[in-house]
Amino acid sequence: MRSELTELELIDNYLFRQLDQQQTQKVETNLLVDEAFAEKVEAQRTAHRLVRLYGRNATRNRFESIYQLLLNEPAFAGQLKSLI
């Protein structure tokens, strides 16, 4: 279990470009020669992408909720209409 966590940390550090040149070269070599490791890196890259997408959607939904609340405020709605 501990080695899996260490490997995940290494992959994260690689994906976030937090490794020095020597470590980066070692990871990139492993990507070429170890198909299972390459699959793990790609899975982690996909997970990062999904987390970012989820965060963007959550933020967008939060802003939409705030906007809808503000539209129900007469002063804000009036100001908004005066801009148009």
N, C-alpha and C. Protein backbone atom coordinates (compact mmCIF):
# COMPACT_ATOMS: atom_id res chain seq x y z
N MET A 1 0.83 -1.20 0.00
CA MET A 1 0.00 0.00 0.00
C MET A 1 0.87 1.26 0.00
N ARG A 2 1.91 1.24 0.80
CA ARG A 2 2.78 2.41 0.91
C ARG A 2 3.46 2.72 -0.42
N SER A 3 3.89 1.68 -1.12
CA SER A 3 4.56 1.89 -2.40
C SER A 3 3.59 2.46 -3.44
N GLU A 4 2.32 2.08 -3.35
CA GLU A 4 1.31 2.63 -4.26
C GLU A 4 1.12 4.12 -4.01
N LEU A 5 1.10 4.51 -2.74
CA LEU A 5 0.97 5.92 -2.41
C LEU A 5 2.19 6.72 -2.87
N THR A 6 3.35 6.12 -2.72
CA THR A 6 4.59 6.77 -3.17
C THR A 6 4.55 6.95 -4.69
N GLU A 7 4.07 5.92 -5.39
CA GLU A 7 3.97 6.00 -6.85
C GLU A 7 2.96 7.07 -7.27
N LEU A 8 1.83 7.14 -6.57
CA LEU A 8 0.83 8.17 -6.87
C LEU A 8 1.40 9.56 -6.65
N GLU A 9 2.16 9.73 -5.59
CA GLU A 9 2.78 11.01 -5.32
C GLU A 9 3.78 11.38 -6.42
N LEU A 10 4.55 10.40 -6.86
CA LEU A 10 5.49 10.62 -7.94
C LEU A 10 4.76 11.05 -9.22
N ILE A 11 3.67 10.36 -9.53
CA ILE A 11 2.89 10.68 -10.73
C ILE A 11 2.32 12.09 -10.62
N ASP A 12 1.74 12.42 -9.47
CA ASP A 12 1.21 13.77 -9.28
C ASP A 12 2.29 14.82 -9.44
N ASN A 13 3.42 14.59 -8.82
CA ASN A 13 4.53 15.55 -8.94
C ASN A 13 4.98 15.69 -10.39
N TYR A 14 4.97 14.59 -11.13
CA TYR A 14 5.33 14.65 -12.55
C TYR A 14 4.29 15.47 -13.33
N LEU A 15 3.01 15.17 -13.11
CA LEU A 15 1.96 15.87 -13.84
C LEU A 15 1.91 17.36 -13.50
N PHE A 16 2.24 17.70 -12.27
CA PHE A 16 2.24 19.10 -11.86
C PHE A 16 3.61 19.76 -12.07
N ARG A 17 4.51 19.04 -12.73
CA ARG A 17 5.85 19.55 -13.07
C ARG A 17 6.62 20.02 -11.83
N GLN A 18 6.61 19.17 -10.82
CA GLN A 18 7.30 19.51 -9.57
C GLN A 18 8.55 18.66 -9.35
N LEU A 19 8.99 17.96 -10.38
CA LEU A 19 10.17 17.13 -10.26
C LEU A 19 11.37 17.85 -10.87
N ASP A 20 12.55 17.49 -10.38
CA ASP A 20 13.75 18.04 -11.01
C ASP A 20 13.99 17.30 -12.33
N GLN A 21 14.95 17.76 -13.08
CA GLN A 21 15.20 17.22 -14.42
C GLN A 21 15.53 15.72 -14.38
N GLN A 22 16.31 15.31 -13.43
CA GLN A 22 16.70 13.90 -13.34
C GLN A 22 15.49 13.02 -13.04
N GLN A 23 14.66 13.44 -12.09
CA GLN A 23 13.46 12.68 -11.75
C GLN A 23 12.49 12.64 -12.94
N THR A 24 12.36 13.76 -13.63
CA THR A 24 11.48 13.83 -14.79
C THR A 24 11.94 12.86 -15.86
N GLN A 25 13.23 12.81 -16.12
CA GLN A 25 13.76 11.89 -17.12
C GLN A 25 13.52 10.44 -16.73
N LYS A 26 13.64 10.16 -15.44
CA LYS A 26 13.40 8.79 -14.96
C LYS A 26 11.94 8.40 -15.17
N VAL A 27 11.02 9.30 -14.85
CA VAL A 27 9.59 9.02 -15.04
C VAL A 27 9.30 8.83 -16.52
N GLU A 28 9.85 9.70 -17.36
CA GLU A 28 9.59 9.61 -18.80
C GLU A 28 10.18 8.32 -19.40
N THR A 29 11.28 7.86 -18.87
CA THR A 29 11.83 6.58 -19.29
C THR A 29 10.89 5.45 -18.89
N ASN A 30 10.38 5.52 -17.66
CA ASN A 30 9.43 4.50 -17.20
C ASN A 30 8.17 4.50 -18.04
N LEU A 31 7.75 5.68 -18.50
CA LEU A 31 6.56 5.76 -19.36
C LEU A 31 6.77 4.98 -20.65
N LEU A 32 8.00 5.02 -21.16
CA LEU A 32 8.31 4.34 -22.42
C LEU A 32 8.43 2.83 -22.27
N VAL A 33 8.95 2.38 -21.14
CA VAL A 33 9.25 0.95 -20.99
C VAL A 33 8.23 0.18 -20.16
N ASP A 34 7.42 0.87 -19.38
CA ASP A 34 6.47 0.19 -18.48
C ASP A 34 5.05 0.61 -18.85
N GLU A 35 4.38 -0.26 -19.58
CA GLU A 35 3.03 0.05 -20.05
C GLU A 35 2.04 0.23 -18.90
N ALA A 36 2.17 -0.55 -17.86
CA ALA A 36 1.27 -0.43 -16.70
C ALA A 36 1.46 0.93 -16.03
N PHE A 37 2.69 1.37 -15.91
CA PHE A 37 2.97 2.68 -15.32
C PHE A 37 2.40 3.78 -16.20
N ALA A 38 2.56 3.65 -17.51
CA ALA A 38 2.02 4.65 -18.44
C ALA A 38 0.49 4.73 -18.31
N GLU A 39 -0.15 3.60 -18.13
CA GLU A 39 -1.61 3.59 -17.95
C GLU A 39 -2.01 4.29 -16.65
N LYS A 40 -1.23 4.09 -15.61
CA LYS A 40 -1.50 4.77 -14.34
C LYS A 40 -1.36 6.28 -14.48
N VAL A 41 -0.33 6.71 -15.20
CA VAL A 41 -0.13 8.14 -15.41
C VAL A 41 -1.29 8.72 -16.20
N GLU A 42 -1.71 8.02 -17.23
CA GLU A 42 -2.83 8.52 -18.04
C GLU A 42 -4.13 8.54 -17.23
N ALA A 43 -4.34 7.54 -16.39
CA ALA A 43 -5.53 7.52 -15.52
C ALA A 43 -5.50 8.69 -14.55
N GLN A 44 -4.34 8.98 -14.00
CA GLN A 44 -4.21 10.11 -13.06
C GLN A 44 -4.42 11.43 -13.79
N ARG A 45 -3.91 11.53 -15.00
CA ARG A 45 -4.10 12.75 -15.82
C ARG A 45 -5.60 12.96 -16.08
N THR A 46 -6.30 11.89 -16.40
CA THR A 46 -7.75 11.96 -16.63
C THR A 46 -8.48 12.36 -15.36
N ALA A 47 -8.06 11.81 -14.23
CA ALA A 47 -8.69 12.16 -12.95
C ALA A 47 -8.51 13.65 -12.67
N HIS A 48 -7.32 14.19 -12.92
CA HIS A 48 -7.08 15.62 -12.71
C HIS A 48 -7.99 16.45 -13.60
N ARG A 49 -8.12 16.03 -14.86
CA ARG A 49 -8.98 16.74 -15.80
C ARG A 49 -10.44 16.76 -15.31
N LEU A 50 -10.90 15.62 -14.83
CA LEU A 50 -12.29 15.52 -14.35
C LEU A 50 -12.51 16.38 -13.10
N VAL A 51 -11.53 16.41 -12.23
CA VAL A 51 -11.65 17.25 -11.03
C VAL A 51 -11.73 18.72 -11.41
N ARG A 52 -10.89 19.15 -12.37
CA ARG A 52 -10.95 20.55 -12.83
C ARG A 52 -12.30 20.85 -13.46
N LEU A 53 -12.80 19.93 -14.29
CA LEU A 53 -14.09 20.13 -14.94
C LEU A 53 -15.21 20.21 -13.92
N TYR A 54 -15.18 19.32 -12.93
CA TYR A 54 -16.18 19.36 -11.87
C TYR A 54 -16.13 20.69 -11.12
N GLY A 55 -14.92 21.15 -10.83
CA GLY A 55 -14.76 22.43 -10.12
C GLY A 55 -15.30 23.59 -10.93
N ARG A 56 -15.04 23.58 -12.24
CA ARG A 56 -15.58 24.65 -13.09
C ARG A 56 -17.10 24.62 -13.11
N ASN A 57 -17.66 23.42 -13.23
CA ASN A 57 -19.12 23.32 -13.26
C ASN A 57 -19.73 23.75 -11.93
N ALA A 58 -19.10 23.37 -10.84
CA ALA A 58 -19.60 23.77 -9.53
C ALA A 58 -19.55 25.28 -9.37
N THR A 59 -18.47 25.89 -9.83
CA THR A 59 -18.35 27.35 -9.75
C THR A 59 -19.39 28.02 -10.63
N ARG A 60 -19.57 27.50 -11.84
CA ARG A 60 -20.57 28.05 -12.75
C ARG A 60 -21.97 27.97 -12.12
N ASN A 61 -22.28 26.84 -11.53
CA ASN A 61 -23.59 26.67 -10.88
C ASN A 61 -23.76 27.62 -9.70
N ARG A 62 -22.69 27.81 -8.94
CA ARG A 62 -22.74 28.72 -7.80
C ARG A 62 -22.98 30.15 -8.28
N PHE A 63 -22.29 30.58 -9.33
CA PHE A 63 -22.51 31.92 -9.88
C PHE A 63 -23.92 32.08 -10.43
N GLU A 64 -24.42 31.06 -11.08
CA GLU A 64 -25.78 31.12 -11.61
C GLU A 64 -26.79 31.28 -10.48
N SER A 65 -26.59 30.56 -9.38
CA SER A 65 -27.48 30.69 -8.22
C SER A 65 -27.45 32.10 -7.65
N ILE A 66 -26.26 32.66 -7.55
CA ILE A 66 -26.12 34.03 -7.03
C ILE A 66 -26.81 35.01 -7.97
N TYR A 67 -26.61 34.82 -9.27
CA TYR A 67 -27.24 35.69 -10.26
C TYR A 67 -28.76 35.61 -10.15
N GLN A 68 -29.29 34.43 -10.01
CA GLN A 68 -30.75 34.27 -9.89
C GLN A 68 -31.27 34.94 -8.62
N LEU A 69 -30.52 34.83 -7.53
CA LEU A 69 -30.92 35.50 -6.29
C LEU A 69 -30.92 37.02 -6.47
N LEU A 70 -29.89 37.52 -7.14
CA LEU A 70 -29.81 38.96 -7.36
C LEU A 70 -30.92 39.46 -8.28
N LEU A 71 -31.32 38.65 -9.25
CA LEU A 71 -32.41 39.06 -10.14
C LEU A 71 -33.72 39.25 -9.37
N ASN A 72 -33.86 38.56 -8.26
CA ASN A 72 -35.06 38.69 -7.43
C ASN A 72 -35.02 39.92 -6.54
N GLU A 73 -33.86 40.57 -6.49
CA GLU A 73 -33.72 41.81 -5.73
C GLU A 73 -34.12 42.97 -6.64
N PRO A 74 -35.16 43.73 -6.28
CA PRO A 74 -35.64 44.81 -7.17
C PRO A 74 -34.55 45.83 -7.53
N ALA A 75 -33.71 46.21 -6.58
CA ALA A 75 -32.68 47.22 -6.85
C ALA A 75 -31.70 46.71 -7.91
N PHE A 76 -31.26 45.47 -7.77
CA PHE A 76 -30.32 44.91 -8.73
C PHE A 76 -30.96 44.76 -10.10
N ALA A 77 -32.18 44.22 -10.11
CA ALA A 77 -32.87 44.03 -11.39
C ALA A 77 -33.06 45.36 -12.09
N GLY A 78 -33.38 46.43 -11.34
CA GLY A 78 -33.55 47.75 -11.92
C GLY A 78 -32.26 48.28 -12.50
N GLN A 79 -31.17 48.11 -11.78
CA GLN A 79 -29.87 48.55 -12.27
C GLN A 79 -29.48 47.79 -13.53
N LEU A 80 -29.75 46.50 -13.54
CA LEU A 80 -29.43 45.69 -14.69
C LEU A 80 -30.23 46.13 -15.92
N LYS A 81 -31.50 46.39 -15.72
CA LYS A 81 -32.35 46.84 -16.83
C LYS A 81 -31.91 48.21 -17.33
N SER A 82 -31.42 49.07 -16.46
CA SER A 82 -30.98 50.40 -16.89
C SER A 82 -29.73 50.33 -17.74
N LEU A 83 -28.95 49.25 -17.62
CA LEU A 83 -27.74 49.08 -18.42
C LEU A 83 -28.07 48.66 -19.85
N ILE A 84 -29.19 48.03 -20.01
CA ILE A 84 -29.55 47.50 -21.33
C ILE A 84 -30.18 48.52 -22.17
